[in-house]
Amino acid sequence: MTEAISSILSQIRAYEMRTGAARDIAPSNAIDVGGGQPQPAGFVETLSRTVDKVSAAQANAGALQQAFELGDPRADLARVMVAMQQSQVAFRATVEVRNRLVQSYQEVMNMPI
């Protein structure tokens, strides 16, 4: 079971690295909480950051689409389509992570005591 959770976390981190979303994360995936020693980023922080990045990608795609519809010359069709595809891929990846988390939770709940 721990392997499944580790796998999901590594997939989230790999996704962040591919999309460039990891720029806000320290290279060691640690957060400085003021005690001098950085603490490892927890699952909740990683997941929250990832969902925020997906939301930002969707908002950016929506804004570009609206700008293109209004005739803004800076919003060309290629940029709009790429932004929409990026947000769609990010959303699908997030849904897949959610599905795997639910599946892992169900496996844990079905374990005999």
Protein backbone atom coordinates (compact mmCIF):
# COMPACT_ATOMS: atom_id res chain seq x y z
CA MET A 1 0.00 0.00 0.00
CA THR A 2 2.82 2.39 0.83
CA GLU A 3 4.23 1.71 -2.62
CA ALA A 4 0.97 2.92 -4.21
CA ILE A 5 1.06 6.18 -2.27
CA SER A 6 4.76 6.67 -3.08
CA SER A 7 3.98 6.00 -6.72
CA ILE A 8 1.24 8.63 -6.73
CA LEU A 9 3.48 11.21 -5.07
CA SER A 10 6.27 10.52 -7.56
CA GLN A 11 3.79 10.92 -10.42
CA ILE A 12 2.65 14.27 -9.04
CA ARG A 13 6.25 15.43 -8.72
CA ALA A 14 7.06 14.21 -12.23
CA TYR A 15 4.03 16.06 -13.57
CA GLU A 16 5.14 19.24 -11.79
CA MET A 17 8.61 18.92 -13.29
CA ARG A 18 7.23 18.37 -16.81
CA THR A 19 4.87 21.33 -16.66
CA GLY A 20 7.35 23.65 -15.00
CA ALA A 21 5.10 23.92 -11.97
CA ALA A 22 7.99 22.90 -9.73
CA ARG A 23 9.64 26.31 -9.99
CA ASP A 24 7.96 27.28 -6.73
CA ILE A 25 9.16 24.14 -4.95
CA ALA A 26 12.61 23.83 -3.43
CA PRO A 27 14.76 21.28 -5.29
CA SER A 28 14.76 18.95 -2.29
CA ASN A 29 10.95 19.24 -2.12
CA ALA A 30 11.30 20.84 1.31
CA ILE A 31 9.52 23.73 2.99
CA ASP A 32 11.26 26.07 5.43
CA VAL A 33 9.00 26.45 8.44
CA GLY A 34 11.30 28.86 10.26
CA GLY A 35 13.12 26.37 12.47
CA GLY A 36 16.28 26.41 10.38
CA GLN A 37 15.74 22.86 9.17
CA PRO A 38 13.53 22.53 6.07
CA GLN A 39 10.70 20.08 6.56
CA PRO A 40 9.72 17.71 3.74
CA ALA A 41 6.66 18.91 1.87
CA GLY A 42 3.68 16.86 2.91
CA PHE A 43 1.19 15.18 0.70
CA VAL A 44 -1.48 17.81 1.34
CA GLU A 45 0.85 20.67 0.37
CA THR A 46 1.98 18.89 -2.78
CA LEU A 47 -1.56 18.04 -3.81
CA SER A 48 -2.83 21.53 -3.01
CA ARG A 49 -0.05 23.15 -5.04
CA THR A 50 -0.77 20.86 -7.96
CA VAL A 51 -4.50 21.61 -7.91
CA ASP A 52 -3.73 25.33 -7.76
CA LYS A 53 -1.47 25.02 -10.80
CA VAL A 54 -4.17 23.14 -12.73
CA SER A 55 -6.70 25.81 -11.81
CA ALA A 56 -4.31 28.54 -12.97
CA ALA A 57 -3.73 26.73 -16.28
CA GLN A 58 -7.49 26.49 -16.83
CA ALA A 59 -7.99 30.15 -15.98
CA ASN A 60 -5.18 31.15 -18.34
CA ALA A 61 -6.67 29.08 -21.16
CA GLY A 62 -10.08 30.63 -20.55
CA ALA A 63 -8.65 34.14 -20.56
CA LEU A 64 -6.74 33.48 -23.80
CA GLN A 65 -9.85 32.02 -25.39
CA GLN A 66 -11.91 35.05 -24.42
CA ALA A 67 -9.20 37.41 -25.68
CA PHE A 68 -9.11 35.56 -29.00
CA GLU A 69 -12.90 35.76 -29.32
CA LEU A 70 -12.75 39.50 -28.67
CA GLY A 71 -10.15 39.94 -31.40
CA ASP A 72 -7.08 40.69 -29.31
CA PRO A 73 -4.10 40.49 -31.71
CA ARG A 74 -1.83 39.08 -28.97
CA ALA A 75 -4.06 36.01 -28.58
CA ASP A 76 -3.40 34.04 -31.74
CA LEU A 77 -5.15 30.74 -32.39
CA ALA A 78 -2.03 28.63 -31.85
CA ARG A 79 -1.42 30.04 -28.34
CA VAL A 80 -5.07 29.55 -27.45
CA MET A 81 -5.10 25.94 -28.64
CA VAL A 82 -1.83 25.09 -26.86
CA ALA A 83 -3.06 26.63 -23.60
CA MET A 84 -6.34 24.75 -23.85
CA GLN A 85 -4.56 21.45 -24.51
CA GLN A 86 -2.17 22.04 -21.59
CA SER A 87 -5.03 22.72 -19.23
CA GLN A 88 -6.91 19.67 -20.50
CA VAL A 89 -3.88 17.40 -19.97
CA ALA A 90 -3.29 18.85 -16.51
CA PHE A 91 -6.93 18.30 -15.56
CA ARG A 92 -6.91 14.72 -16.84
CA ALA A 93 -3.73 13.99 -14.88
CA THR A 94 -5.33 15.41 -11.74
CA VAL A 95 -8.43 13.28 -12.23
CA GLU A 96 -6.23 10.21 -12.70
CA VAL A 97 -4.39 10.96 -9.46
CA ARG A 98 -7.71 11.37 -7.69
CA ASN A 99 -8.94 8.06 -9.07
CA ARG A 100 -5.80 6.30 -7.87
CA LEU A 101 -6.10 7.88 -4.45
CA VAL A 102 -9.69 6.69 -4.15
CA GLN A 103 -8.66 3.22 -5.29
CA SER A 104 -5.84 3.14 -2.71
CA TYR A 105 -8.20 4.30 0.01
CA GLN A 106 -10.69 1.59 -0.89
CA GLU A 107 -7.93 -1.03 -0.78
CA VAL A 108 -6.90 0.14 2.68
CA MET A 109 -10.49 0.09 3.91
CA ASN A 110 -10.98 -3.45 2.61
CA MET A 111 -7.91 -4.80 4.39
CA PRO A 112 -8.68 -7.29 7.15
CA ILE A 113 -7.76 -6.16 10.63
